[in-house]
Protein backbone atom coordinates (compact mmCIF):
# COMPACT_ATOMS: atom_id res chain seq x y z
CA UNK A 1 0.20 -0.30 0.10
CA UNK A 2 1.64 3.20 -0.96
CA UNK A 3 1.44 6.14 1.05
CA UNK A 4 3.06 9.31 -0.99
CA UNK A 5 4.05 7.67 -3.98
CA UNK A 6 3.40 4.36 -6.37
CA UNK A 7 4.68 2.71 -9.65
CA UNK A 8 2.83 5.30 -11.45
CA UNK A 9 4.11 8.42 -9.82
CA UNK A 10 6.52 10.32 -12.57
CA UNK A 11 9.46 12.39 -11.05
CA UNK A 12 11.81 14.84 -12.45
CA UNK A 13 14.97 15.37 -10.52
CA UNK A 14 16.23 19.09 -10.11
CA UNK A 15 20.08 19.40 -10.13
CA UNK A 16 20.33 15.90 -12.07
CA UNK A 17 23.61 16.86 -13.68
CA UNK A 18 25.17 16.98 -10.38
CA UNK A 19 27.28 14.33 -8.83
CA UNK A 20 25.40 12.95 -6.58
CA UNK A 21 22.24 13.29 -8.44
CA UNK A 22 23.78 11.73 -11.59
CA UNK A 23 24.37 8.56 -9.69
CA UNK A 24 21.16 8.23 -7.21
CA UNK A 25 19.30 8.82 -10.65
CA UNK A 26 20.80 6.06 -12.00
CA UNK A 27 19.88 4.21 -9.24
CA UNK A 28 16.25 5.12 -9.65
CA UNK A 29 15.78 4.15 -13.29
CA UNK A 30 17.46 0.92 -12.41
CA UNK A 31 14.77 0.47 -9.69
CA UNK A 32 11.86 1.05 -12.28
CA UNK A 33 10.79 4.93 -10.83
CA UNK A 34 9.82 6.66 -13.38
CA UNK A 35 12.20 9.74 -13.77
CA UNK A 36 10.79 11.16 -16.82
CA UNK A 37 13.02 15.04 -16.67
CA UNK A 38 15.71 16.66 -14.93
CA UNK A 39 16.17 20.61 -13.98
CA UNK A 40 19.55 21.84 -14.04
CA UNK A 41 19.61 25.70 -15.44
CA UNK A 42 21.88 26.21 -18.39
CA UNK A 43 22.37 22.38 -19.05
CA UNK A 44 18.97 22.08 -20.88
CA UNK A 45 19.23 19.49 -24.22
CA UNK A 46 21.73 17.25 -22.53
CA UNK A 47 20.30 14.03 -20.88
CA UNK A 48 21.57 12.01 -18.04
CA UNK A 49 20.66 8.30 -19.04
CA UNK A 50 18.39 8.76 -21.43
CA UNK A 51 16.43 11.41 -19.09
CA UNK A 52 15.97 15.05 -20.81
CA UNK A 53 17.26 17.95 -18.96
CA UNK A 54 15.25 21.37 -19.04
CA UNK A 55 16.53 24.81 -18.19
CA UNK A 56 13.49 25.12 -15.99
CA UNK A 57 10.73 23.33 -14.01
CA UNK A 58 8.20 24.84 -16.35
CA UNK A 59 9.80 23.37 -19.66
CA UNK A 60 10.20 20.15 -18.13
CA UNK A 61 6.57 19.88 -17.09
CA UNK A 62 5.64 21.02 -20.45
CA UNK A 63 7.17 18.50 -22.40
CA UNK A 64 6.97 15.81 -19.22
CA UNK A 65 4.23 16.00 -16.88
CA UNK A 66 5.05 14.57 -13.25
CA UNK A 67 3.79 14.76 -10.02
CA UNK A 68 7.12 14.52 -7.69
CA UNK A 69 10.65 15.72 -7.64
CA UNK A 70 13.99 15.27 -5.93
CA UNK A 71 16.05 18.08 -5.41
CA UNK A 72 19.95 17.76 -5.46
CA UNK A 73 21.29 21.34 -5.41
CA UNK A 74 23.32 23.43 -2.87
CA UNK A 75 21.88 24.51 0.25
CA UNK A 76 21.61 28.06 -0.89
CA UNK A 77 19.77 27.23 -3.77
CA UNK A 78 17.07 25.07 -2.18
CA UNK A 79 14.34 27.49 -1.58
CA UNK A 80 14.35 28.92 -5.22
CA UNK A 81 14.18 25.17 -6.67
CA UNK A 82 11.72 23.83 -3.90
CA UNK A 83 9.44 27.12 -4.88
CA UNK A 84 9.79 26.72 -8.75
CA UNK A 85 8.89 23.25 -8.20
CA UNK A 86 5.88 23.97 -5.93
CA UNK A 87 4.75 26.84 -7.63
CA UNK A 88 4.49 24.32 -11.29
CA UNK A 89 2.14 22.13 -9.06
CA UNK A 90 4.66 19.64 -8.06
CA UNK A 91 2.82 18.08 -4.68
CA UNK A 92 5.84 15.88 -3.38
CA UNK A 93 8.82 17.45 -2.88
CA UNK A 94 12.16 15.22 -1.57
CA UNK A 95 15.39 17.82 -0.76
CA UNK A 96 18.16 15.59 -0.61
CA UNK A 97 20.30 18.66 -0.10
CA UNK A 98 21.99 19.03 3.85
CA UNK A 99 22.62 22.60 5.34
CA UNK A 100 19.45 24.20 4.33
CA UNK A 101 19.09 27.34 6.36
CA UNK A 102 15.90 26.99 8.57
CA UNK A 103 14.30 30.06 7.88
CA UNK A 104 13.99 28.94 4.19
CA UNK A 105 13.02 25.22 5.24
CA UNK A 106 10.10 27.62 7.40
CA UNK A 107 9.27 29.26 4.14
CA UNK A 108 9.31 25.92 1.69
CA UNK A 109 6.98 23.89 4.29
CA UNK A 110 4.51 26.89 4.82
CA UNK A 111 4.09 27.74 0.92
CA UNK A 112 4.20 23.66 0.27
CA UNK A 113 1.33 23.53 3.07
CA UNK A 114 -0.73 26.73 1.53
CA UNK A 115 -0.48 24.39 -2.00
CA UNK A 116 -1.45 20.80 -0.41
CA UNK A 117 2.38 19.46 -0.87
CA UNK A 118 4.13 17.17 1.29
CA UNK A 119 7.93 17.79 1.61
CA UNK A 120 10.29 14.96 2.67
CA UNK A 121 13.58 16.72 3.99
CA UNK A 122 15.78 18.40 3.89
CA UNK A 123 18.63 16.25 4.45
CA UNK A 124 16.81 12.92 4.07
CA UNK A 125 18.27 10.09 1.35
CA UNK A 126 14.50 9.93 0.00
CA UNK A 127 11.72 7.66 0.03
CA UNK A 128 11.18 3.79 -0.84
CA UNK A 129 7.85 2.02 -1.75
CA UNK A 130 9.05 -1.82 -1.91
CA UNK A 131 9.26 -2.99 -5.38
CA UNK A 132 7.21 -0.53 -6.89
CA UNK A 133 9.31 3.30 -6.45
CA UNK A 134 12.28 4.62 -4.85
CA UNK A 135 12.77 8.74 -5.09
CA UNK A 136 16.41 9.83 -3.91
CA UNK A 137 18.83 7.71 -2.49
CA UNK A 138 17.18 5.46 -0.14
CA UNK A 139 18.40 1.96 0.14
CA UNK A 140 21.61 2.33 -1.87
CA UNK A 141 22.19 0.62 -4.90
CA UNK A 142 19.03 -1.40 -6.31
CA UNK A 143 20.38 -4.69 -5.50
CA UNK A 144 20.67 -3.74 -1.84
CA UNK A 145 16.67 -2.50 -2.01
CA UNK A 146 15.47 -5.18 -3.17
CA UNK A 147 16.79 -7.39 -1.08
CA UNK A 148 16.48 -5.60 2.33
CA UNK A 149 12.66 -4.02 1.30
CA UNK A 150 9.64 -6.24 0.47
CA UNK A 151 5.82 -4.98 -0.03
CA UNK A 152 4.20 -4.89 3.25
CA UNK A 153 1.59 -3.12 5.76
CA UNK A 154 4.25 -1.38 7.70
CA UNK A 155 5.68 2.38 7.30
CA UNK A 156 8.99 3.39 8.62
CA UNK A 157 9.84 7.12 8.92
CA UNK A 158 13.33 7.63 10.66
CA UNK A 159 15.89 10.36 10.06
CA UNK A 160 18.51 7.62 9.43
CA UNK A 161 18.91 6.28 6.15
CA UNK A 162 21.03 3.55 7.57
CA UNK A 163 18.79 3.25 10.00
CA UNK A 164 15.53 2.61 7.59
CA UNK A 165 17.30 0.38 5.57
CA UNK A 166 18.65 -1.97 8.64
CA UNK A 167 14.95 -1.80 10.12
CA UNK A 168 13.07 -2.75 6.71
CA UNK A 169 15.81 -5.27 6.39
CA UNK A 170 15.11 -6.95 10.21
CA UNK A 171 11.60 -6.42 9.27
CA UNK A 172 11.72 -8.41 5.83
CA UNK A 173 14.01 -11.19 7.49
CA UNK A 174 10.69 -11.75 9.80
CA UNK A 175 8.08 -12.37 6.90
CA UNK A 176 7.15 -8.48 7.50
CA UNK A 177 6.70 -6.15 4.49
CA UNK A 178 6.84 -2.36 4.61
CA UNK A 179 4.55 0.44 2.88
CA UNK A 180 6.59 3.56 2.47
CA UNK A 181 9.85 3.80 4.18
CA UNK A 182 11.57 7.35 4.81
């Protein structure tokens, strides 16, 4: 039972051409997540593992409608990136960046709430709905995710990505599946 995303969730990656984002984009695609577009200002026209890159969220969504965005940009740029996604109708933001100023986080959360959107992060590894969708870098490489997580009724919410995977693995070993893990 998916709570925030499922196998039909269409995802954009803001900051897709960055070192970290390139890596987790590949893992998301390999897991079966529907990564439809990426955004990096000034790098429109490129592609990352076959995912087209656009200069703005507006351009990306015009070509490839999406429901969620993973944001992997420097901390000082998070607020602008998040507000751009929210103003273009994205309803699920996964912000992986660390060291985001608190005042920026508060503003992002206020705008998200007023738009009926959900924000995971900042400073998150992302989320996994076992065997359906992986958003961000949660769980690590695909082989690890597929063995540690299994579908079921238990949700996991943790501030630690490693602890999330460890808990999911212990539940899986004992035959207890998970729904949404973040």
